[in-house]
Amino acid sequence: MTLTVTLIIAGAVLALAVFAGWRGALPSNPAKGVRMVPWRLIMLMSGAALMLLLIHAATLLGMPQRPY
């Protein structure tokens, strides 16, 4: 994946994380029924994916990897 594609996907995942965080923070409304979308889980998973994408972008920019 090129750097441009990585940054575009990272921006989309960041937008998804912010949106899911906003939806997950809304108070529940029992009159409407239960929530069918697990917004907090989506926020956490997109945050983890964003971290992986940022690490990938750093390696594309030439950051050295630590040898173990």
N, C-alpha and C. Protein backbone atom coordinates (compact mmCIF):
# COMPACT_ATOMS: atom_id res chain seq x y z
N MET A 1 0.85 -1.17 0.00
CA MET A 1 0.00 0.00 0.00
C MET A 1 0.89 1.23 0.00
N THR A 2 0.55 2.21 -0.78
CA THR A 2 1.35 3.43 -0.83
C THR A 2 0.98 4.33 0.35
N LEU A 3 1.78 5.37 0.53
CA LEU A 3 1.56 6.29 1.64
C LEU A 3 0.23 7.04 1.47
N THR A 4 -0.09 7.41 0.26
CA THR A 4 -1.34 8.14 0.01
C THR A 4 -2.56 7.30 0.37
N VAL A 5 -2.55 6.06 -0.05
CA VAL A 5 -3.67 5.17 0.25
C VAL A 5 -3.76 4.93 1.76
N THR A 6 -2.62 4.76 2.40
CA THR A 6 -2.60 4.53 3.84
C THR A 6 -3.18 5.72 4.60
N LEU A 7 -2.82 6.93 4.20
CA LEU A 7 -3.32 8.11 4.89
C LEU A 7 -4.81 8.34 4.62
N ILE A 8 -5.27 8.02 3.43
CA ILE A 8 -6.70 8.15 3.12
C ILE A 8 -7.51 7.18 3.97
N ILE A 9 -7.04 5.94 4.05
CA ILE A 9 -7.75 4.94 4.86
C ILE A 9 -7.68 5.32 6.33
N ALA A 10 -6.54 5.86 6.78
CA ALA A 10 -6.41 6.28 8.17
C ALA A 10 -7.38 7.43 8.49
N GLY A 11 -7.56 8.35 7.57
CA GLY A 11 -8.52 9.42 7.76
C GLY A 11 -9.95 8.91 7.84
N ALA A 12 -10.28 7.94 7.00
CA ALA A 12 -11.62 7.36 7.03
C ALA A 12 -11.87 6.59 8.33
N VAL A 13 -10.86 5.87 8.79
CA VAL A 13 -10.99 5.12 10.04
C VAL A 13 -11.09 6.08 11.22
N LEU A 14 -10.36 7.18 11.18
CA LEU A 14 -10.46 8.19 12.23
C LEU A 14 -11.86 8.79 12.27
N ALA A 15 -12.41 9.09 11.10
CA ALA A 15 -13.78 9.63 11.05
C ALA A 15 -14.78 8.62 11.59
N LEU A 16 -14.59 7.34 11.28
CA LEU A 16 -15.47 6.31 11.81
C LEU A 16 -15.35 6.21 13.34
N ALA A 17 -14.13 6.31 13.85
CA ALA A 17 -13.94 6.24 15.31
C ALA A 17 -14.60 7.42 16.02
N VAL A 18 -14.48 8.60 15.45
CA VAL A 18 -15.11 9.79 16.05
C VAL A 18 -16.63 9.67 15.99
N PHE A 19 -17.16 9.23 14.86
CA PHE A 19 -18.60 9.07 14.73
C PHE A 19 -19.13 8.01 15.70
N ALA A 20 -18.44 6.88 15.79
CA ALA A 20 -18.88 5.82 16.69
C ALA A 20 -18.75 6.25 18.14
N GLY A 21 -17.74 7.04 18.46
CA GLY A 21 -17.62 7.56 19.82
C GLY A 21 -18.75 8.50 20.17
N TRP A 22 -19.15 9.32 19.21
CA TRP A 22 -20.28 10.23 19.44
C TRP A 22 -21.57 9.45 19.62
N ARG A 23 -21.81 8.45 18.75
CA ARG A 23 -23.04 7.67 18.86
C ARG A 23 -23.06 6.81 20.12
N GLY A 24 -21.90 6.30 20.53
CA GLY A 24 -21.84 5.49 21.74
C GLY A 24 -22.04 6.29 23.01
N ALA A 25 -21.75 7.59 22.95
CA ALA A 25 -21.89 8.44 24.13
C ALA A 25 -23.31 8.97 24.32
N LEU A 26 -24.17 8.81 23.32
CA LEU A 26 -25.54 9.28 23.46
C LEU A 26 -26.28 8.44 24.50
N PRO A 27 -27.16 9.05 25.28
CA PRO A 27 -27.91 8.25 26.25
C PRO A 27 -28.89 7.32 25.54
N SER A 28 -29.11 6.19 26.18
CA SER A 28 -30.03 5.23 25.57
C SER A 28 -31.48 5.70 25.72
N ASN A 29 -32.30 5.30 24.78
CA ASN A 29 -33.71 5.66 24.79
C ASN A 29 -34.53 4.37 24.78
N PRO A 30 -35.00 3.94 25.95
CA PRO A 30 -35.75 2.67 26.00
C PRO A 30 -37.06 2.71 25.20
N ALA A 31 -37.60 3.89 24.95
CA ALA A 31 -38.84 3.98 24.18
C ALA A 31 -38.62 3.56 22.73
N LYS A 32 -37.40 3.79 22.21
CA LYS A 32 -37.10 3.40 20.84
C LYS A 32 -36.69 1.93 20.74
N GLY A 33 -36.34 1.32 21.85
CA GLY A 33 -35.88 -0.07 21.84
C GLY A 33 -34.39 -0.15 22.11
N VAL A 34 -33.87 -1.33 22.00
CA VAL A 34 -32.45 -1.53 22.28
C VAL A 34 -31.61 -1.10 21.10
N ARG A 35 -30.37 -0.77 21.38
CA ARG A 35 -29.44 -0.42 20.31
C ARG A 35 -28.98 -1.69 19.62
N MET A 36 -29.03 -1.69 18.33
CA MET A 36 -28.64 -2.87 17.58
C MET A 36 -27.20 -2.80 17.09
N VAL A 37 -26.59 -1.63 17.16
CA VAL A 37 -25.22 -1.45 16.70
C VAL A 37 -24.33 -1.21 17.92
N PRO A 38 -23.28 -2.01 18.10
CA PRO A 38 -22.40 -1.82 19.25
C PRO A 38 -21.38 -0.70 18.98
N TRP A 39 -21.79 0.55 19.19
CA TRP A 39 -20.97 1.70 18.81
C TRP A 39 -19.66 1.77 19.56
N ARG A 40 -19.64 1.37 20.83
CA ARG A 40 -18.39 1.43 21.60
C ARG A 40 -17.39 0.41 21.09
N LEU A 41 -17.85 -0.76 20.73
CA LEU A 41 -16.96 -1.76 20.17
C LEU A 41 -16.41 -1.30 18.82
N ILE A 42 -17.25 -0.68 18.01
CA ILE A 42 -16.79 -0.16 16.72
C ILE A 42 -15.75 0.92 16.94
N MET A 43 -15.94 1.77 17.95
CA MET A 43 -14.97 2.81 18.24
C MET A 43 -13.63 2.21 18.65
N LEU A 44 -13.64 1.20 19.50
CA LEU A 44 -12.40 0.57 19.95
C LEU A 44 -11.69 -0.15 18.81
N MET A 45 -12.44 -0.85 17.99
CA MET A 45 -11.83 -1.58 16.89
C MET A 45 -11.25 -0.63 15.83
N SER A 46 -11.94 0.46 15.56
CA SER A 46 -11.41 1.41 14.59
C SER A 46 -10.20 2.15 15.17
N GLY A 47 -10.17 2.35 16.48
CA GLY A 47 -8.98 2.94 17.10
C GLY A 47 -7.78 2.02 16.99
N ALA A 48 -7.99 0.72 17.17
CA ALA A 48 -6.90 -0.24 17.01
C ALA A 48 -6.43 -0.29 15.55
N ALA A 49 -7.36 -0.24 14.62
CA ALA A 49 -6.98 -0.24 13.20
C ALA A 49 -6.23 1.04 12.84
N LEU A 50 -6.63 2.15 13.46
CA LEU A 50 -5.93 3.42 13.20
C LEU A 50 -4.49 3.35 13.70
N MET A 51 -4.27 2.73 14.84
CA MET A 51 -2.90 2.59 15.35
C MET A 51 -2.05 1.76 14.39
N LEU A 52 -2.60 0.69 13.87
CA LEU A 52 -1.85 -0.13 12.90
C LEU A 52 -1.55 0.65 11.62
N LEU A 53 -2.51 1.44 11.17
CA LEU A 53 -2.28 2.24 9.97
C LEU A 53 -1.23 3.32 10.19
N LEU A 54 -1.21 3.91 11.39
CA LEU A 54 -0.19 4.92 11.68
C LEU A 54 1.20 4.29 11.77
N ILE A 55 1.29 3.10 12.31
CA ILE A 55 2.58 2.39 12.33
C ILE A 55 3.02 2.06 10.92
N HIS A 56 2.09 1.65 10.08
CA HIS A 56 2.41 1.36 8.69
C HIS A 56 2.87 2.62 7.96
N ALA A 57 2.22 3.74 8.22
CA ALA A 57 2.63 5.00 7.59
C ALA A 57 4.02 5.41 8.07
N ALA A 58 4.33 5.17 9.33
CA ALA A 58 5.65 5.52 9.85
C ALA A 58 6.74 4.68 9.19
N THR A 59 6.46 3.41 8.96
CA THR A 59 7.46 2.58 8.28
C THR A 59 7.61 2.98 6.82
N LEU A 60 6.53 3.44 6.20
CA LEU A 60 6.65 3.92 4.82
C LEU A 60 7.46 5.20 4.74
N LEU A 61 7.43 6.00 5.81
CA LEU A 61 8.20 7.24 5.83
C LEU A 61 9.67 7.00 6.17
N GLY A 62 10.03 5.78 6.51
CA GLY A 62 11.43 5.47 6.74
C GLY A 62 11.83 5.36 8.18
N MET A 63 10.89 5.26 9.09
CA MET A 63 11.25 5.07 10.49
C MET A 63 11.90 3.70 10.65
N PRO A 64 13.00 3.65 11.35
CA PRO A 64 13.66 2.34 11.50
C PRO A 64 12.88 1.44 12.44
N GLN A 65 12.91 0.17 12.15
CA GLN A 65 12.29 -0.81 13.02
C GLN A 65 13.33 -1.32 13.99
N ARG A 66 12.92 -1.53 15.22
CA ARG A 66 13.86 -2.02 16.21
C ARG A 66 14.11 -3.51 16.01
N PRO A 67 15.37 -3.91 15.96
CA PRO A 67 15.64 -5.36 15.88
C PRO A 67 15.47 -6.00 17.25
N TYR A 68 14.91 -7.17 17.26
CA TYR A 68 14.73 -7.89 18.53
C TYR A 68 15.60 -9.10 18.55
